[in-house]
Amino acid sequence: MGFAASRYLMKHTVAATKARLERTRIIAAANQSAARTVIRALRILAPGTVPVPEPTDSDPQHAAAPTGPPCNRENASDGYHRALAAHNGGSPPLAR
């Protein structure tokens, strides 16, 4: 069935009413922008009907920096060198 409806929570009743009145124009503009039908219906919800979840983690943990030698052209894989040679029109370097 594809993308049948889109839900938007409006903060103000006036904005929600305006969006409901301009629903046809909003759908047409979105579909024209995508150059195909991606939105068939648009459901405008009343303010406060969907609770907004609070963030669960205020201080996210970042991934550790990779260890080992940095990746560069000199220590790249043979597949990379073959692809680079094919792209540049030359022959791949001899095996290491």
N, C-alpha and C. Protein backbone atom coordinates (compact mmCIF):
# COMPACT_ATOMS: atom_id res chain seq x y z
N MET A 1 0.82 -1.18 0.00
CA MET A 1 0.00 0.00 0.00
C MET A 1 0.86 1.25 0.00
N GLY A 2 2.10 1.13 0.45
CA GLY A 2 2.98 2.28 0.41
C GLY A 2 2.75 3.21 1.57
N PHE A 3 3.14 4.45 1.41
CA PHE A 3 3.04 5.45 2.45
C PHE A 3 1.63 6.03 2.41
N ALA A 4 0.77 5.58 3.33
CA ALA A 4 -0.63 5.97 3.28
C ALA A 4 -0.94 7.24 4.07
N ALA A 5 -0.26 7.46 5.18
CA ALA A 5 -0.59 8.63 5.99
C ALA A 5 0.66 9.17 6.66
N SER A 6 0.62 10.43 6.95
CA SER A 6 1.72 11.06 7.65
C SER A 6 1.13 11.80 8.83
N ARG A 7 1.77 11.65 10.01
CA ARG A 7 1.24 12.26 11.22
C ARG A 7 2.14 13.40 11.67
N TYR A 8 1.51 14.51 11.94
CA TYR A 8 2.24 15.66 12.42
C TYR A 8 1.57 16.16 13.69
N LEU A 9 2.33 16.47 14.69
CA LEU A 9 1.81 17.03 15.92
C LEU A 9 2.04 18.53 15.89
N MET A 10 0.97 19.28 15.87
CA MET A 10 1.08 20.72 15.82
C MET A 10 1.05 21.27 17.25
N LYS A 11 1.86 22.28 17.53
CA LYS A 11 1.95 22.84 18.87
C LYS A 11 0.78 23.78 19.16
N HIS A 12 0.21 24.38 18.15
CA HIS A 12 -0.85 25.34 18.37
C HIS A 12 -2.08 24.92 17.57
N THR A 13 -3.25 25.12 18.16
CA THR A 13 -4.50 24.74 17.51
C THR A 13 -4.69 25.51 16.21
N VAL A 14 -4.27 26.74 16.19
CA VAL A 14 -4.42 27.56 14.98
C VAL A 14 -3.60 26.97 13.84
N ALA A 15 -2.37 26.60 14.12
CA ALA A 15 -1.52 26.00 13.09
C ALA A 15 -2.10 24.67 12.62
N ALA A 16 -2.65 23.89 13.53
CA ALA A 16 -3.25 22.61 13.16
C ALA A 16 -4.46 22.83 12.25
N THR A 17 -5.29 23.82 12.58
CA THR A 17 -6.46 24.12 11.76
C THR A 17 -6.03 24.60 10.38
N LYS A 18 -5.03 25.44 10.33
CA LYS A 18 -4.53 25.93 9.03
C LYS A 18 -3.99 24.77 8.20
N ALA A 19 -3.25 23.86 8.83
CA ALA A 19 -2.72 22.71 8.10
C ALA A 19 -3.83 21.82 7.58
N ARG A 20 -4.90 21.66 8.37
CA ARG A 20 -6.04 20.85 7.90
C ARG A 20 -6.70 21.50 6.69
N LEU A 21 -6.83 22.84 6.71
CA LEU A 21 -7.45 23.54 5.58
C LEU A 21 -6.57 23.48 4.33
N GLU A 22 -5.26 23.44 4.51
CA GLU A 22 -4.34 23.42 3.36
C GLU A 22 -3.78 22.03 3.08
N ARG A 23 -4.41 21.01 3.63
CA ARG A 23 -3.94 19.62 3.48
C ARG A 23 -3.74 19.23 2.02
N THR A 24 -4.69 19.54 1.16
CA THR A 24 -4.58 19.17 -0.25
C THR A 24 -3.37 19.82 -0.90
N ARG A 25 -3.13 21.08 -0.59
CA ARG A 25 -1.98 21.80 -1.15
C ARG A 25 -0.67 21.24 -0.62
N ILE A 26 -0.63 20.86 0.66
CA ILE A 26 0.58 20.29 1.26
C ILE A 26 0.92 18.97 0.58
N ILE A 27 -0.08 18.13 0.39
CA ILE A 27 0.14 16.82 -0.26
C ILE A 27 0.61 17.02 -1.70
N ALA A 28 -0.04 17.93 -2.42
CA ALA A 28 0.34 18.18 -3.81
C ALA A 28 1.77 18.70 -3.91
N ALA A 29 2.16 19.60 -3.01
CA ALA A 29 3.52 20.15 -3.04
C ALA A 29 4.55 19.08 -2.73
N ALA A 30 4.27 18.21 -1.76
CA ALA A 30 5.21 17.14 -1.42
C ALA A 30 5.35 16.16 -2.57
N ASN A 31 4.26 15.79 -3.20
CA ASN A 31 4.32 14.85 -4.32
C ASN A 31 4.99 15.48 -5.54
N GLN A 32 4.78 16.76 -5.77
CA GLN A 32 5.44 17.43 -6.89
C GLN A 32 6.94 17.52 -6.64
N SER A 33 7.33 17.78 -5.40
CA SER A 33 8.74 17.86 -5.06
C SER A 33 9.43 16.51 -5.26
N ALA A 34 8.73 15.42 -4.98
CA ALA A 34 9.30 14.09 -5.15
C ALA A 34 9.15 13.57 -6.58
N ALA A 35 8.43 14.27 -7.41
CA ALA A 35 8.19 13.90 -8.82
C ALA A 35 7.43 12.58 -8.95
N ARG A 36 6.74 12.18 -7.89
CA ARG A 36 5.88 11.00 -7.93
C ARG A 36 4.99 11.04 -6.70
N THR A 37 3.99 10.18 -6.66
CA THR A 37 3.08 10.15 -5.53
C THR A 37 3.72 9.41 -4.37
N VAL A 38 4.08 10.15 -3.33
CA VAL A 38 4.66 9.54 -2.14
C VAL A 38 3.74 9.71 -0.94
N ILE A 39 2.85 10.70 -0.98
CA ILE A 39 1.90 10.93 0.11
C ILE A 39 0.50 10.91 -0.47
N ARG A 40 -0.34 10.06 0.10
CA ARG A 40 -1.73 9.99 -0.34
C ARG A 40 -2.68 10.64 0.65
N ALA A 41 -2.31 10.63 1.92
CA ALA A 41 -3.16 11.21 2.96
C ALA A 41 -2.28 11.86 4.01
N LEU A 42 -2.83 12.87 4.66
CA LEU A 42 -2.11 13.58 5.69
C LEU A 42 -3.05 13.73 6.87
N ARG A 43 -2.64 13.20 8.00
CA ARG A 43 -3.49 13.25 9.19
C ARG A 43 -2.88 14.26 10.17
N ILE A 44 -3.61 15.32 10.42
CA ILE A 44 -3.15 16.36 11.34
C ILE A 44 -3.77 16.07 12.70
N LEU A 45 -2.93 15.82 13.70
CA LEU A 45 -3.41 15.50 15.03
C LEU A 45 -3.59 16.75 15.87
N ALA A 46 -4.49 16.68 16.83
CA ALA A 46 -4.71 17.79 17.75
C ALA A 46 -3.51 17.94 18.67
N PRO A 47 -3.25 19.14 19.16
CA PRO A 47 -2.10 19.33 20.06
C PRO A 47 -2.22 18.46 21.31
N GLY A 48 -1.11 17.86 21.69
CA GLY A 48 -1.07 17.07 22.90
C GLY A 48 -1.60 15.66 22.80
N THR A 49 -1.94 15.17 21.60
CA THR A 49 -2.51 13.83 21.50
C THR A 49 -1.44 12.74 21.52
N VAL A 50 -0.22 13.09 21.18
CA VAL A 50 0.87 12.12 21.18
C VAL A 50 1.94 12.61 22.15
N PRO A 51 2.26 11.83 23.19
CA PRO A 51 3.28 12.29 24.13
C PRO A 51 4.67 12.28 23.48
N VAL A 52 5.46 13.26 23.81
CA VAL A 52 6.81 13.35 23.28
C VAL A 52 7.73 12.61 24.25
N PRO A 53 8.47 11.59 23.78
CA PRO A 53 9.33 10.84 24.69
C PRO A 53 10.54 11.67 25.12
N GLU A 54 10.93 11.48 26.35
CA GLU A 54 12.11 12.16 26.87
C GLU A 54 13.36 11.41 26.42
N PRO A 55 14.46 12.10 26.21
CA PRO A 55 15.69 11.39 25.86
C PRO A 55 16.10 10.47 27.01
N THR A 56 16.53 9.26 26.67
CA THR A 56 16.87 8.27 27.69
C THR A 56 18.28 8.45 28.22
N ASP A 57 19.15 9.02 27.44
CA ASP A 57 20.54 9.15 27.86
C ASP A 57 21.00 10.58 27.64
N SER A 58 21.28 11.29 28.73
CA SER A 58 21.68 12.68 28.59
C SER A 58 23.15 12.83 28.23
N ASP A 59 23.96 11.80 28.51
CA ASP A 59 25.38 11.84 28.18
C ASP A 59 25.76 10.54 27.45
N PRO A 60 25.53 10.50 26.13
CA PRO A 60 25.81 9.25 25.41
C PRO A 60 27.30 8.90 25.41
N GLN A 61 27.60 7.63 25.45
CA GLN A 61 28.98 7.16 25.40
C GLN A 61 29.44 7.14 23.94
N HIS A 62 30.61 7.66 23.69
CA HIS A 62 31.14 7.69 22.34
C HIS A 62 32.00 6.45 22.12
N ALA A 63 32.04 6.01 20.89
CA ALA A 63 32.84 4.83 20.55
C ALA A 63 34.32 5.16 20.71
N ALA A 64 35.08 4.17 21.10
CA ALA A 64 36.52 4.36 21.28
C ALA A 64 37.18 4.54 19.92
N ALA A 65 38.25 5.27 19.89
CA ALA A 65 39.00 5.49 18.66
C ALA A 65 39.62 4.16 18.22
N PRO A 66 39.66 3.90 16.91
CA PRO A 66 40.24 2.66 16.43
C PRO A 66 41.73 2.58 16.78
N THR A 67 42.15 1.36 17.03
CA THR A 67 43.57 1.16 17.33
C THR A 67 44.25 0.56 16.11
N GLY A 68 45.54 0.66 16.05
CA GLY A 68 46.30 0.12 14.93
C GLY A 68 46.76 1.21 14.00
N PRO A 69 47.42 0.82 12.93
CA PRO A 69 47.95 1.83 12.00
C PRO A 69 46.81 2.51 11.25
N PRO A 70 46.98 3.78 10.93
CA PRO A 70 45.94 4.47 10.17
C PRO A 70 45.85 3.91 8.76
N CYS A 71 44.63 3.92 8.21
CA CYS A 71 44.42 3.44 6.84
C CYS A 71 44.78 4.56 5.87
N ASN A 72 45.57 4.21 4.87
CA ASN A 72 45.91 5.14 3.81
C ASN A 72 46.14 4.35 2.53
N ARG A 73 46.51 5.03 1.47
CA ARG A 73 46.68 4.34 0.18
C ARG A 73 47.79 3.30 0.22
N GLU A 74 48.82 3.58 0.97
CA GLU A 74 49.96 2.66 0.97
C GLU A 74 49.62 1.32 1.61
N ASN A 75 48.80 1.29 2.63
CA ASN A 75 48.50 0.01 3.26
C ASN A 75 47.06 -0.43 3.01
N ALA A 76 46.44 0.08 1.94
CA ALA A 76 45.08 -0.32 1.58
C ALA A 76 45.09 -1.73 1.00
N SER A 77 43.90 -2.33 0.89
CA SER A 77 43.78 -3.71 0.41
C SER A 77 44.11 -3.79 -1.08
N ASP A 78 44.39 -5.02 -1.52
CA ASP A 78 44.68 -5.24 -2.95
C ASP A 78 43.48 -4.88 -3.81
N GLY A 79 42.28 -5.15 -3.31
CA GLY A 79 41.07 -4.80 -4.06
C GLY A 79 40.97 -3.31 -4.31
N TYR A 80 41.36 -2.50 -3.32
CA TYR A 80 41.36 -1.05 -3.50
C TYR A 80 42.33 -0.67 -4.61
N HIS A 81 43.54 -1.25 -4.58
CA HIS A 81 44.54 -0.92 -5.60
C HIS A 81 44.10 -1.35 -6.99
N ARG A 82 43.45 -2.52 -7.10
CA ARG A 82 42.94 -2.96 -8.41
C ARG A 82 41.85 -2.02 -8.92
N ALA A 83 40.95 -1.61 -8.03
CA ALA A 83 39.87 -0.71 -8.43
C ALA A 83 40.44 0.65 -8.83
N LEU A 84 41.42 1.13 -8.09
CA LEU A 84 42.04 2.41 -8.41
C LEU A 84 42.75 2.35 -9.76
N ALA A 85 43.44 1.24 -10.02
CA ALA A 85 44.14 1.09 -11.30
C ALA A 85 43.15 1.01 -12.46
N ALA A 86 42.03 0.30 -12.24
CA ALA A 86 41.04 0.21 -13.30
C ALA A 86 40.41 1.58 -13.57
N HIS A 87 40.20 2.34 -12.51
CA HIS A 87 39.62 3.67 -12.66
C HIS A 87 40.59 4.60 -13.40
N ASN A 88 41.86 4.51 -13.07
CA ASN A 88 42.86 5.38 -13.70
C ASN A 88 43.33 4.87 -15.04
N GLY A 89 42.93 3.68 -15.45
CA GLY A 89 43.29 3.15 -16.75
C GLY A 89 44.66 2.53 -16.80
N GLY A 90 45.27 2.27 -15.68
CA GLY A 90 46.60 1.67 -15.65
C GLY A 90 46.51 0.23 -15.16
N SER A 91 47.65 -0.38 -14.98
CA SER A 91 47.68 -1.74 -14.47
C SER A 91 47.88 -1.70 -12.97
N PRO A 92 47.36 -2.70 -12.25
CA PRO A 92 47.50 -2.71 -10.80
C PRO A 92 48.96 -2.92 -10.41
N PRO A 93 49.35 -2.44 -9.23
CA PRO A 93 50.74 -2.64 -8.79
C PRO A 93 51.01 -4.11 -8.51
N LEU A 94 52.26 -4.47 -8.52
CA LEU A 94 52.63 -5.84 -8.22
C LEU A 94 52.26 -6.18 -6.80
N ALA A 95 52.01 -7.48 -6.57
CA ALA A 95 51.61 -7.92 -5.25
C ALA A 95 52.69 -7.58 -4.23
N ARG A 96 52.27 -7.26 -3.07
CA ARG A 96 53.21 -6.89 -2.00
C ARG A 96 53.71 -8.10 -1.31
